[in-house]
C-alpha atoms as a PDB file:
ATOM      1  CA  UNK A   1      87.647 106.540  95.358  1.00  0.00           C
ATOM      2  CA  UNK A   2      88.345 104.745  92.054  1.00  0.00           C
ATOM      3  CA  UNK A   3      87.630 101.048  92.068  1.00  0.00           C
ATOM      4  CA  UNK A   4      90.593  98.870  91.045  1.00  0.00           C
ATOM      5  CA  UNK A   5      90.434  96.595  88.158  1.00  0.00           C
ATOM      6  CA  UNK A   6      92.075  93.902  90.129  1.00  0.00           C
ATOM      7  CA  UNK A   7      90.752  92.162  93.312  1.00  0.00           C
ATOM      8  CA  UNK A   8      92.998  91.773  96.315  1.00  0.00           C
ATOM      9  CA  UNK A   9      93.293  87.957  95.481  1.00  0.00           C
ATOM     10  CA  UNK A  10      94.481  88.858  91.886  1.00  0.00           C
ATOM     11  CA  UNK A  11      96.967  91.416  93.256  1.00  0.00           C
ATOM     12  CA  UNK A  12      98.469  88.888  95.694  1.00  0.00           C
ATOM     13  CA  UNK A  13      98.775  86.277  92.825  1.00  0.00           C
ATOM     14  CA  UNK A  14     100.537  88.797  90.772  1.00  0.00           C
ATOM     15  CA  UNK A  15     102.972  89.595  93.595  1.00  0.00           C
ATOM     16  CA  UNK A  16     103.532  85.899  94.117  1.00  0.00           C
ATOM     17  CA  UNK A  17     104.499  85.512  90.501  1.00  0.00           C
ATOM     18  CA  UNK A  18     107.163  88.343  90.910  1.00  0.00           C
ATOM     19  CA  UNK A  19     108.489  86.629  94.016  1.00  0.00           C
ATOM     20  CA  UNK A  20     108.862  83.413  91.939  1.00  0.00           C
ATOM     21  CA  UNK A  21     111.231  85.150  89.583  1.00  0.00           C
ATOM     22  CA  UNK A  22     109.047  86.551  86.762  1.00  0.00           C
ATOM     23  CA  UNK A  23     110.555  90.058  85.708  1.00  0.00           C
ATOM     24  CA  UNK A  24     108.311  93.047  86.692  1.00  0.00           C
ATOM     25  CA  UNK A  25     108.215  94.393  83.037  1.00  0.00           C
ATOM     26  CA  UNK A  26     106.869  91.006  81.888  1.00  0.00           C
ATOM     27  CA  UNK A  27     104.239  90.911  84.598  1.00  0.00           C
ATOM     28  CA  UNK A  28     103.102  94.458  83.622  1.00  0.00           C
ATOM     29  CA  UNK A  29     102.826  93.552  79.975  1.00  0.00           C
ATOM     30  CA  UNK A  30     100.865  90.343  80.748  1.00  0.00           C
ATOM     31  CA  UNK A  31      98.362  91.877  83.067  1.00  0.00           C
ATOM     32  CA  UNK A  32      98.055  95.184  81.394  1.00  0.00           C
ATOM     33  CA  UNK A  33      99.220  97.383  84.329  1.00  0.00           C
ATOM     34  CA  UNK A  34     101.853 100.020  84.913  1.00  0.00           C
ATOM     35  CA  UNK A  35     105.027  99.350  86.852  1.00  0.00           C
ATOM     36  CA  UNK A  36     104.161 102.090  89.233  1.00  0.00           C
ATOM     37  CA  UNK A  37     100.876 100.212  90.104  1.00  0.00           C
ATOM     38  CA  UNK A  38     102.940  97.056  90.751  1.00  0.00           C
ATOM     39  CA  UNK A  39     105.386  98.852  93.080  1.00  0.00           C
ATOM     40  CA  UNK A  40     102.413 100.494  94.934  1.00  0.00           C
ATOM     41  CA  UNK A  41     100.774  97.057  95.460  1.00  0.00           C
ATOM     42  CA  UNK A  42     104.074  95.661  96.608  1.00  0.00           C
ATOM     43  CA  UNK A  43     104.467  98.329  99.220  1.00  0.00           C
ATOM     44  CA  UNK A  44     100.840  97.875 100.355  1.00  0.00           C
ATOM     45  CA  UNK A  45     100.366  94.092 100.047  1.00  0.00           C
ATOM     46  CA  UNK A  46     103.896  92.744 100.021  1.00  0.00           C
ATOM     47  CA  UNK A  47     104.291  89.616 102.193  1.00  0.00           C
ATOM     48  CA  UNK A  48     100.457  89.180 102.787  1.00  0.00           C
ATOM     49  CA  UNK A  49      98.172  86.391 101.856  1.00  0.00           C
ATOM     50  CA  UNK A  50      94.447  86.332 101.297  1.00  0.00           C
ATOM     51  CA  UNK A  51      93.626  85.778 105.117  1.00  0.00           C
ATOM     52  CA  UNK A  52      95.721  88.887 106.096  1.00  0.00           C
ATOM     53  CA  UNK A  53      94.085  90.943 103.453  1.00  0.00           C
ATOM     54  CA  UNK A  54      90.487  90.045 104.711  1.00  0.00           C
ATOM     55  CA  UNK A  55      91.639  90.802 108.214  1.00  0.00           C
ATOM     56  CA  UNK A  56      93.016  94.251 107.014  1.00  0.00           C
ATOM     57  CA  UNK A  57      89.651  95.074 105.395  1.00  0.00           C
ATOM     58  CA  UNK A  58      87.729  94.091 108.485  1.00  0.00           C
ATOM     59  CA  UNK A  59      90.070  96.330 110.618  1.00  0.00           C
ATOM     60  CA  UNK A  60      89.606  99.222 108.123  1.00  0.00           C
ATOM     61  CA  UNK A  61      85.746  98.816 108.364  1.00  0.00           C
ATOM     62  CA  UNK A  62      85.871  98.737 112.106  1.00  0.00           C
ATOM     63  CA  UNK A  63      88.179 101.755 112.193  1.00  0.00           C
ATOM     64  CA  UNK A  64      85.630 103.616 109.980  1.00  0.00           C
ATOM     65  CA  UNK A  65      82.744 102.742 112.249  1.00  0.00           C
ATOM     66  CA  UNK A  66      84.607 103.811 115.349  1.00  0.00           C
ATOM     67  CA  UNK A  67      85.491 107.090 113.699  1.00  0.00           C
ATOM     68  CA  UNK A  68      81.828 107.768 112.893  1.00  0.00           C
ATOM     69  CA  UNK A  69      80.831 106.873 116.519  1.00  0.00           C
ATOM     70  CA  UNK A  70      83.455 109.311 117.832  1.00  0.00           C
ATOM     71  CA  UNK A  71      82.188 112.091 115.548  1.00  0.00           C
ATOM     72  CA  UNK A  72      78.667 111.555 116.623  1.00  0.00           C
ATOM     73  CA  UNK A  73      79.667 111.622 120.396  1.00  0.00           C
ATOM     74  CA  UNK A  74      81.752 114.749 119.863  1.00  0.00           C
ATOM     75  CA  UNK A  75      78.865 116.530 118.225  1.00  0.00           C
ATOM     76  CA  UNK A  76      76.508 115.459 121.014  1.00  0.00           C
ATOM     77  CA  UNK A  77      79.047 116.697 123.604  1.00  0.00           C
ATOM     78  CA  UNK A  78      79.269 120.088 121.832  1.00  0.00           C
ATOM     79  CA  UNK A  79      75.492 120.383 121.809  1.00  0.00           C
ATOM     80  CA  UNK A  80      75.182 119.694 125.510  1.00  0.00           C
ATOM     81  CA  UNK A  81      77.993 122.203 126.272  1.00  0.00           C
ATOM     82  CA  UNK A  82      76.242 124.873 124.220  1.00  0.00           C
ATOM     83  CA  UNK A  83      72.867 124.149 126.002  1.00  0.00           C
ATOM     84  CA  UNK A  84      74.504 124.339 129.401  1.00  0.00           C
ATOM     85  CA  UNK A  85      76.341 127.580 128.415  1.00  0.00           C
ATOM     86  CA  UNK A  86      73.072 129.308 127.574  1.00  0.00           C
ATOM     87  CA  UNK A  87      71.488 128.677 130.968  1.00  0.00           C
END
């Protein structure tokens, strides 16, 4: 996955500027981004602050870890079923 030029804190500050009344076209020109990127950020991070973003990242990391654990357990379960089927 491509790494963003902007950190989550920078994205939130750009979105706060837009909420304070700065036009989107001016924000895009000032920060060197496309308007499509701005609207994607707004849909993803709209209404969040820095603490919510860090909490979201922690939840995503935990979700990834749990998915890996489930995949490992499912694979072990299949191996046990195959071993029992051969007997």
